Amino acid sequence: MNWKANLQIRDLDPEQRLEATCKVCGHVHFVTPAQVLRQGAERGFLYVDELERETICKARGCRGQVRLAMVRSGETSGFVGGLA
């Protein structure tokens, strides 16, 4: 089990971006839950791994499988701490 099998599209923020990277050509495009829900309300019940299996590359003529990764929208912070 991983996070993709535990998380449904409806659980994500509508503006959360998922990065789709093609396993064949390396092309990157972004998918949002709002785009998926526009295809039908029942698609909100898809798990992220199911969406990953049915998403294809958008590059012209490729149509390869993609790998979905969640894009972090906040700022990252470095580790602050140390040994006592």
PDB file of N, CA and C in Angstrom:
ATOM      1  N   MET A   1       0.839  -1.185   0.000  1.00  0.00           N
ATOM      2  CA  MET A   1       0.000   0.000   0.000  1.00  0.00           C
ATOM      3  C   MET A   1       0.881   1.246   0.000  1.00  0.00           C
ATOM      4  N   ASN A   2       0.473   2.219  -0.771  1.00  0.00           N
ATOM      5  CA  ASN A   2       1.167   3.499  -0.771  1.00  0.00           C
ATOM      6  C   ASN A   2       0.138   4.621  -0.771  1.00  0.00           C
ATOM      7  N   TRP A   3       0.591   5.839  -0.812  1.00  0.00           N
ATOM      8  CA  TRP A   3      -0.317   6.980  -0.713  1.00  0.00           C
ATOM      9  C   TRP A   3      -1.272   7.048  -1.891  1.00  0.00           C
ATOM     10  N   LYS A   4      -0.865   6.543  -3.045  1.00  0.00           N
ATOM     11  CA  LYS A   4      -1.728   6.598  -4.221  1.00  0.00           C
ATOM     12  C   LYS A   4      -2.930   5.664  -4.082  1.00  0.00           C
ATOM     13  N   ALA A   5      -2.765   4.570  -3.369  1.00  0.00           N
ATOM     14  CA  ALA A   5      -3.855   3.612  -3.177  1.00  0.00           C
ATOM     15  C   ALA A   5      -4.774   4.017  -2.023  1.00  0.00           C
ATOM     16  N   ASN A   6      -4.356   4.962  -1.202  1.00  0.00           N
ATOM     17  CA  ASN A   6      -5.150   5.390  -0.045  1.00  0.00           C
ATOM     18  C   ASN A   6      -5.880   6.709  -0.258  1.00  0.00           C
ATOM     19  N   LEU A   7      -5.572   7.422  -1.329  1.00  0.00           N
ATOM     20  CA  LEU A   7      -6.083   8.775  -1.515  1.00  0.00           C
ATOM     21  C   LEU A   7      -6.975   8.843  -2.750  1.00  0.00           C
ATOM     22  N   GLN A   8      -8.211   9.318  -2.551  1.00  0.00           N
ATOM     23  CA  GLN A   8      -9.133   9.496  -3.666  1.00  0.00           C
ATOM     24  C   GLN A   8      -9.007  10.914  -4.209  1.00  0.00           C
ATOM     25  N   ILE A   9      -9.450  11.095  -5.445  1.00  0.00           N
ATOM     26  CA  ILE A   9      -9.380  12.416  -6.083  1.00  0.00           C
ATOM     27  C   ILE A   9     -10.209  13.430  -5.296  1.00  0.00           C
ATOM     28  N   ARG A  10     -11.356  13.029  -4.771  1.00  0.00           N
ATOM     29  CA  ARG A  10     -12.221  13.952  -4.024  1.00  0.00           C
ATOM     30  C   ARG A  10     -11.600  14.398  -2.707  1.00  0.00           C
ATOM     31  N   ASP A  11     -10.581  13.680  -2.213  1.00  0.00           N
ATOM     32  CA  ASP A  11      -9.907  14.051  -0.974  1.00  0.00           C
ATOM     33  C   ASP A  11      -8.906  15.182  -1.177  1.00  0.00           C
ATOM     34  N   LEU A  12      -8.513  15.413  -2.410  1.00  0.00           N
ATOM     35  CA  LEU A  12      -7.520  16.441  -2.717  1.00  0.00           C
ATOM     36  C   LEU A  12      -8.173  17.811  -2.823  1.00  0.00           C
ATOM     37  N   ASP A  13      -7.393  18.847  -2.551  1.00  0.00           N
ATOM     38  CA  ASP A  13      -7.832  20.213  -2.772  1.00  0.00           C
ATOM     39  C   ASP A  13      -8.060  20.393  -4.271  1.00  0.00           C
ATOM     40  N   PRO A  14      -9.131  21.066  -4.700  1.00  0.00           N
ATOM     41  CA  PRO A  14      -9.406  21.210  -6.145  1.00  0.00           C
ATOM     42  C   PRO A  14      -8.270  21.852  -6.937  1.00  0.00           C
ATOM     43  N   GLU A  15      -7.450  22.659  -6.284  1.00  0.00           N
ATOM     44  CA  GLU A  15      -6.343  23.313  -6.979  1.00  0.00           C
ATOM     45  C   GLU A  15      -5.005  22.590  -6.798  1.00  0.00           C
ATOM     46  N   GLN A  16      -4.994  21.479  -6.065  1.00  0.00           N
ATOM     47  CA  GLN A  16      -3.771  20.677  -5.896  1.00  0.00           C
ATOM     48  C   GLN A  16      -3.345  20.140  -7.259  1.00  0.00           C
ATOM     49  N   ARG A  17      -2.082  20.267  -7.591  1.00  0.00           N
ATOM     50  CA  ARG A  17      -1.607  19.804  -8.894  1.00  0.00           C
ATOM     51  C   ARG A  17      -0.906  18.469  -8.751  1.00  0.00           C
ATOM     52  N   LEU A  18      -1.182  17.591  -9.712  1.00  0.00           N
ATOM     53  CA  LEU A  18      -0.479  16.322  -9.813  1.00  0.00           C
ATOM     54  C   LEU A  18       0.378  16.384 -11.059  1.00  0.00           C
ATOM     55  N   GLU A  19       1.659  16.102 -10.896  1.00  0.00           N
ATOM     56  CA  GLU A  19       2.593  16.137 -12.018  1.00  0.00           C
ATOM     57  C   GLU A  19       2.592  14.779 -12.707  1.00  0.00           C
ATOM     58  N   ALA A  20       2.271  14.765 -13.997  1.00  0.00           N
ATOM     59  CA  ALA A  20       2.243  13.530 -14.780  1.00  0.00           C
ATOM     60  C   ALA A  20       3.477  13.506 -15.668  1.00  0.00           C
ATOM     61  N   THR A  21       4.416  12.594 -15.387  1.00  0.00           N
ATOM     62  CA  THR A  21       5.653  12.458 -16.148  1.00  0.00           C
ATOM     63  C   THR A  21       5.577  11.185 -16.972  1.00  0.00           C
ATOM     64  N   CYS A  22       5.787  11.314 -18.266  1.00  0.00           N
ATOM     65  CA  CYS A  22       5.711  10.164 -19.163  1.00  0.00           C
ATOM     66  C   CYS A  22       6.897   9.230 -18.916  1.00  0.00           C
ATOM     67  N   LYS A  23       6.603   7.928 -18.830  1.00  0.00           N
ATOM     68  CA  LYS A  23       7.649   6.932 -18.619  1.00  0.00           C
ATOM     69  C   LYS A  23       8.405   6.633 -19.905  1.00  0.00           C
ATOM     70  N   VAL A  24       7.847   7.030 -21.050  1.00  0.00           N
ATOM     71  CA  VAL A  24       8.473   6.740 -22.343  1.00  0.00           C
ATOM     72  C   VAL A  24       9.332   7.909 -22.822  1.00  0.00           C
ATOM     73  N   CYS A  25       8.719   9.101 -22.920  1.00  0.00           N
ATOM     74  CA  CYS A  25       9.436  10.233 -23.519  1.00  0.00           C
ATOM     75  C   CYS A  25       9.866  11.298 -22.513  1.00  0.00           C
ATOM     76  N   GLY A  26       9.358  11.230 -21.277  1.00  0.00           N
ATOM     77  CA  GLY A  26       9.754  12.196 -20.256  1.00  0.00           C
ATOM     78  C   GLY A  26       8.959  13.487 -20.258  1.00  0.00           C
ATOM     79  N   HIS A  27       7.965  13.623 -21.142  1.00  0.00           N
ATOM     80  CA  HIS A  27       7.132  14.829 -21.189  1.00  0.00           C
ATOM     81  C   HIS A  27       6.382  14.993 -19.868  1.00  0.00           C
ATOM     82  N   VAL A  28       6.252  16.231 -19.400  1.00  0.00           N
ATOM     83  CA  VAL A  28       5.580  16.516 -18.131  1.00  0.00           C
ATOM     84  C   VAL A  28       4.367  17.400 -18.397  1.00  0.00           C
ATOM     85  N   HIS A  29       3.234  17.019 -17.841  1.00  0.00           N
ATOM     86  CA  HIS A  29       2.064  17.894 -17.821  1.00  0.00           C
ATOM     87  C   HIS A  29       1.415  17.767 -16.445  1.00  0.00           C
ATOM     88  N   PHE A  30       0.519  18.683 -16.145  1.00  0.00           N
ATOM     89  CA  PHE A  30      -0.087  18.729 -14.824  1.00  0.00           C
ATOM     90  C   PHE A  30      -1.579  18.430 -14.909  1.00  0.00           C
ATOM     91  N   VAL A  31      -2.079  17.739 -13.888  1.00  0.00           N
ATOM     92  CA  VAL A  31      -3.488  17.375 -13.781  1.00  0.00           C
ATOM     93  C   VAL A  31      -3.985  17.882 -12.434  1.00  0.00           C
ATOM     94  N   THR A  32      -5.165  18.510 -12.422  1.00  0.00           N
ATOM     95  CA  THR A  32      -5.768  18.944 -11.166  1.00  0.00           C
ATOM     96  C   THR A  32      -7.041  18.139 -10.917  1.00  0.00           C
ATOM     97  N   PRO A  33      -7.424  17.977  -9.656  1.00  0.00           N
ATOM     98  CA  PRO A  33      -8.685  17.293  -9.362  1.00  0.00           C
ATOM     99  C   PRO A  33      -9.882  17.969 -10.028  1.00  0.00           C
ATOM    100  N   ALA A  34      -9.842  19.286 -10.164  1.00  0.00           N
ATOM    101  CA  ALA A  34     -10.938  20.002 -10.815  1.00  0.00           C
ATOM    102  C   ALA A  34     -11.092  19.542 -12.270  1.00  0.00           C
ATOM    103  N   GLN A  35      -9.977  19.304 -12.967  1.00  0.00           N
ATOM    104  CA  GLN A  35     -10.040  18.812 -14.348  1.00  0.00           C
ATOM    105  C   GLN A  35     -10.660  17.426 -14.401  1.00  0.00           C
ATOM    106  N   VAL A  36     -10.308  16.584 -13.450  1.00  0.00           N
ATOM    107  CA  VAL A  36     -10.836  15.218 -13.417  1.00  0.00           C
ATOM    108  C   VAL A  36     -12.331  15.243 -13.118  1.00  0.00           C
ATOM    109  N   LEU A  37     -12.754  16.092 -12.180  1.00  0.00           N
ATOM    110  CA  LEU A  37     -14.161  16.162 -11.801  1.00  0.00           C
ATOM    111  C   LEU A  37     -15.031  16.738 -12.908  1.00  0.00           C
ATOM    112  N   ARG A  38     -14.463  17.532 -13.812  1.00  0.00           N
ATOM    113  CA  ARG A  38     -15.217  18.051 -14.950  1.00  0.00           C
ATOM    114  C   ARG A  38     -15.631  16.943 -15.913  1.00  0.00           C
ATOM    115  N   GLN A  39     -14.931  15.829 -15.864  1.00  0.00           N
ATOM    116  CA  GLN A  39     -15.247  14.691 -16.726  1.00  0.00           C
ATOM    117  C   GLN A  39     -16.432  13.898 -16.179  1.00  0.00           C
ATOM    118  N   GLY A  40     -16.819  14.149 -14.950  1.00  0.00           N
ATOM    119  CA  GLY A  40     -17.955  13.471 -14.323  1.00  0.00           C
ATOM    120  C   GLY A  40     -17.764  13.413 -12.821  1.00  0.00           C
ATOM    121  N   ALA A  41     -18.848  13.633 -12.086  1.00  0.00           N
ATOM    122  CA  ALA A  41     -18.757  13.667 -10.622  1.00  0.00           C
ATOM    123  C   ALA A  41     -18.326  12.328 -10.037  1.00  0.00           C
ATOM    124  N   GLU A  42     -18.679  11.226 -10.686  1.00  0.00           N
ATOM    125  CA  GLU A  42     -18.311   9.900 -10.172  1.00  0.00           C
ATOM    126  C   GLU A  42     -16.812   9.653 -10.246  1.00  0.00           C
ATOM    127  N   ARG A  43     -16.088  10.426 -11.045  1.00  0.00           N
ATOM    128  CA  ARG A  43     -14.635  10.263 -11.154  1.00  0.00           C
ATOM    129  C   ARG A  43     -13.920  10.730  -9.895  1.00  0.00           C
ATOM    130  N   GLY A  44     -14.606  11.429  -9.019  1.00  0.00           N
ATOM    131  CA  GLY A  44     -14.032  11.839  -7.747  1.00  0.00           C
ATOM    132  C   GLY A  44     -13.747  10.658  -6.830  1.00  0.00           C
ATOM    133  N   PHE A  45     -14.393   9.524  -7.100  1.00  0.00           N
ATOM    134  CA  PHE A  45     -14.183   8.331  -6.287  1.00  0.00           C
ATOM    135  C   PHE A  45     -12.985   7.502  -6.749  1.00  0.00           C
ATOM    136  N   LEU A  46     -12.331   7.920  -7.830  1.00  0.00           N
ATOM    137  CA  LEU A  46     -11.124   7.224  -8.296  1.00  0.00           C
ATOM    138  C   LEU A  46      -9.994   7.427  -7.296  1.00  0.00           C
ATOM    139  N   TYR A  47      -9.219   6.398  -7.091  1.00  0.00           N
ATOM    140  CA  TYR A  47      -7.996   6.539  -6.309  1.00  0.00           C
ATOM    141  C   TYR A  47      -6.905   7.058  -7.236  1.00  0.00           C
ATOM    142  N   VAL A  48      -5.890   7.688  -6.680  1.00  0.00           N
ATOM    143  CA  VAL A  48      -4.829   8.294  -7.485  1.00  0.00           C
ATOM    144  C   VAL A  48      -4.117   7.230  -8.332  1.00  0.00           C
ATOM    145  N   ASP A  49      -3.918   6.026  -7.800  1.00  0.00           N
ATOM    146  CA  ASP A  49      -3.261   4.987  -8.595  1.00  0.00           C
ATOM    147  C   ASP A  49      -4.128   4.540  -9.767  1.00  0.00           C
ATOM    148  N   GLU A  50      -5.452   4.570  -9.623  1.00  0.00           N
ATOM    149  CA  GLU A  50      -6.340   4.257 -10.741  1.00  0.00           C
ATOM    150  C   GLU A  50      -6.275   5.331 -11.811  1.00  0.00           C
ATOM    151  N   LEU A  51      -6.225   6.587 -11.384  1.00  0.00           N
ATOM    152  CA  LEU A  51      -6.086   7.692 -12.330  1.00  0.00           C
ATOM    153  C   LEU A  51      -4.751   7.597 -13.062  1.00  0.00           C
ATOM    154  N   GLU A  52      -3.699   7.207 -12.348  1.00  0.00           N
ATOM    155  CA  GLU A  52      -2.375   7.062 -12.949  1.00  0.00           C
ATOM    156  C   GLU A  52      -2.385   6.004 -14.058  1.00  0.00           C
ATOM    157  N   ARG A  53      -3.084   4.894 -13.823  1.00  0.00           N
ATOM    158  CA  ARG A  53      -3.149   3.821 -14.820  1.00  0.00           C
ATOM    159  C   ARG A  53      -3.882   4.231 -16.087  1.00  0.00           C
ATOM    160  N   GLU A  54      -4.873   5.126 -15.970  1.00  0.00           N
ATOM    161  CA  GLU A  54      -5.642   5.481 -17.157  1.00  0.00           C
ATOM    162  C   GLU A  54      -5.202   6.787 -17.820  1.00  0.00           C
ATOM    163  N   THR A  55      -4.300   7.506 -17.199  1.00  0.00           N
ATOM    164  CA  THR A  55      -3.789   8.749 -17.789  1.00  0.00           C
ATOM    165  C   THR A  55      -2.689   8.415 -18.798  1.00  0.00           C
ATOM    166  N   ILE A  56      -2.724   9.099 -19.945  1.00  0.00           N
ATOM    167  CA  ILE A  56      -1.717   8.882 -20.981  1.00  0.00           C
ATOM    168  C   ILE A  56      -0.959  10.179 -21.239  1.00  0.00           C
ATOM    169  N   CYS A  57       0.180  10.046 -21.883  1.00  0.00           N
ATOM    170  CA  CYS A  57       1.032  11.197 -22.212  1.00  0.00           C
ATOM    171  C   CYS A  57       0.316  12.102 -23.208  1.00  0.00           C
ATOM    172  N   LYS A  58       0.469  13.404 -23.020  1.00  0.00           N
ATOM    173  CA  LYS A  58      -0.158  14.390 -23.902  1.00  0.00           C
ATOM    174  C   LYS A  58       0.749  14.814 -25.055  1.00  0.00           C
ATOM    175  N   ALA A  59       1.981  14.321 -25.078  1.00  0.00           N
ATOM    176  CA  ALA A  59       2.904  14.690 -26.152  1.00  0.00           C
ATOM    177  C   ALA A  59       2.405  14.093 -27.467  1.00  0.00           C
ATOM    178  N   ARG A  60       2.606  14.810 -28.520  1.00  0.00           N
ATOM    179  CA  ARG A  60       2.101  14.400 -29.827  1.00  0.00           C
ATOM    180  C   ARG A  60       2.671  13.046 -30.252  1.00  0.00           C
ATOM    181  N   GLY A  61       1.785  12.083 -30.460  1.00  0.00           N
ATOM    182  CA  GLY A  61       2.169  10.776 -30.956  1.00  0.00           C
ATOM    183  C   GLY A  61       2.733   9.814 -29.935  1.00  0.00           C
ATOM    184  N   CYS A  62       2.854  10.190 -28.673  1.00  0.00           N
ATOM    185  CA  CYS A  62       3.491   9.317 -27.688  1.00  0.00           C
ATOM    186  C   CYS A  62       2.498   8.327 -27.071  1.00  0.00           C
ATOM    187  N   ARG A  63       1.513   8.834 -26.348  1.00  0.00           N
ATOM    188  CA  ARG A  63       0.484   8.033 -25.675  1.00  0.00           C
ATOM    189  C   ARG A  63       1.058   6.997 -24.703  1.00  0.00           C
ATOM    190  N   GLY A  64       2.188   7.317 -24.077  1.00  0.00           N
ATOM    191  CA  GLY A  64       2.812   6.420 -23.105  1.00  0.00           C
ATOM    192  C   GLY A  64       2.163   6.528 -21.732  1.00  0.00           C
ATOM    193  N   GLN A  65       2.492   5.576 -20.849  1.00  0.00           N
ATOM    194  CA  GLN A  65       2.001   5.613 -19.475  1.00  0.00           C
ATOM    195  C   GLN A  65       2.727   6.703 -18.703  1.00  0.00           C
ATOM    196  N   VAL A  66       2.054   7.242 -17.684  1.00  0.00           N
ATOM    197  CA  VAL A  66       2.643   8.311 -16.889  1.00  0.00           C
ATOM    198  C   VAL A  66       2.784   7.887 -15.433  1.00  0.00           C
ATOM    199  N   ARG A  67       3.621   8.626 -14.717  1.00  0.00           N
ATOM    200  CA  ARG A  67       3.792   8.469 -13.280  1.00  0.00           C
ATOM    201  C   ARG A  67       3.297   9.759 -12.647  1.00  0.00           C
ATOM    202  N   LEU A  68       2.365   9.656 -11.699  1.00  0.00           N
ATOM    203  CA  LEU A  68       1.823  10.835 -11.038  1.00  0.00           C
ATOM    204  C   LEU A  68       2.573  11.113  -9.740  1.00  0.00           C
ATOM    205  N   ALA A  69       2.867  12.379  -9.509  1.00  0.00           N
ATOM    206  CA  ALA A  69       3.513  12.820  -8.277  1.00  0.00           C
ATOM    207  C   ALA A  69       2.800  14.076  -7.796  1.00  0.00           C
ATOM    208  N   MET A  70       2.627  14.195  -6.489  1.00  0.00           N
ATOM    209  CA  MET A  70       1.958  15.354  -5.935  1.00  0.00           C
ATOM    210  C   MET A  70       2.939  16.514  -5.852  1.00  0.00           C
ATOM    211  N   VAL A  71       2.511  17.670  -6.342  1.00  0.00           N
ATOM    212  CA  VAL A  71       3.338  18.867  -6.310  1.00  0.00           C
ATOM    213  C   VAL A  71       3.035  19.603  -5.024  1.00  0.00           C
ATOM    214  N   ARG A  72       4.075  19.864  -4.258  1.00  0.00           N
ATOM    215  CA  ARG A  72       3.904  20.587  -2.993  1.00  0.00           C
ATOM    216  C   ARG A  72       3.741  22.068  -3.295  1.00  0.00           C
ATOM    217  N   SER A  73       2.669  22.662  -2.795  1.00  0.00           N
ATOM    218  CA  SER A  73       2.370  24.061  -3.112  1.00  0.00           C
ATOM    219  C   SER A  73       2.954  25.040  -2.098  1.00  0.00           C
ATOM    220  N   GLY A  74       3.362  24.573  -0.941  1.00  0.00           N
ATOM    221  CA  GLY A  74       3.901  25.473   0.076  1.00  0.00           C
ATOM    222  C   GLY A  74       5.404  25.611  -0.036  1.00  0.00           C
ATOM    223  N   GLU A  75       5.942  26.481   0.784  1.00  0.00           N
ATOM    224  CA  GLU A  75       7.385  26.646   0.812  1.00  0.00           C
ATOM    225  C   GLU A  75       8.021  25.522   1.624  1.00  0.00           C
ATOM    226  N   THR A  76       9.214  25.166   1.245  1.00  0.00           N
ATOM    227  CA  THR A  76       9.931  24.175   2.016  1.00  0.00           C
ATOM    228  C   THR A  76      10.831  24.884   3.018  1.00  0.00           C
ATOM    229  N   SER A  77      11.063  24.235   4.126  1.00  0.00           N
ATOM    230  CA  SER A  77      11.947  24.817   5.130  1.00  0.00           C
ATOM    231  C   SER A  77      13.030  23.817   5.465  1.00  0.00           C
ATOM    232  N   GLY A  78      14.197  24.312   5.740  1.00  0.00           N
ATOM    233  CA  GLY A  78      15.307  23.458   6.089  1.00  0.00           C
ATOM    234  C   GLY A  78      15.167  22.920   7.503  1.00  0.00           C
ATOM    235  N   PHE A  79      15.909  21.865   7.784  1.00  0.00           N
ATOM    236  CA  PHE A  79      15.887  21.285   9.136  1.00  0.00           C
ATOM    237  C   PHE A  79      16.551  22.236  10.109  1.00  0.00           C
ATOM    238  N   VAL A  80      15.837  22.548  11.179  1.00  0.00           N
ATOM    239  CA  VAL A  80      16.387  23.406  12.210  1.00  0.00           C
ATOM    240  C   VAL A  80      16.439  22.580  13.479  1.00  0.00           C
ATOM    241  N   GLY A  81      17.622  22.344  13.937  1.00  0.00           N
ATOM    242  CA  GLY A  81      17.770  21.549  15.146  1.00  0.00           C
ATOM    243  C   GLY A  81      19.196  21.077  15.269  1.00  0.00           C
ATOM    244  N   GLY A  82      19.440  20.247  16.198  1.00  0.00           N
ATOM    245  CA  GLY A  82      20.791  19.755  16.384  1.00  0.00           C
ATOM    246  C   GLY A  82      20.853  18.842  17.609  1.00  0.00           C
ATOM    247  N   LEU A  83      22.043  18.508  17.929  1.00  0.00           N
ATOM    248  CA  LEU A  83      22.262  17.663  19.091  1.00  0.00           C
ATOM    249  C   LEU A  83      22.268  18.484  20.354  1.00  0.00           C
ATOM    250  N   ALA A  84      21.705  17.981  21.416  1.00  0.00           N
ATOM    251  CA  ALA A  84      21.666  18.716  22.687  1.00  0.00           C
ATOM    252  C   ALA A  84      22.935  18.511  23.465  1.00  0.00           C
TER     253      ALA A  84
END
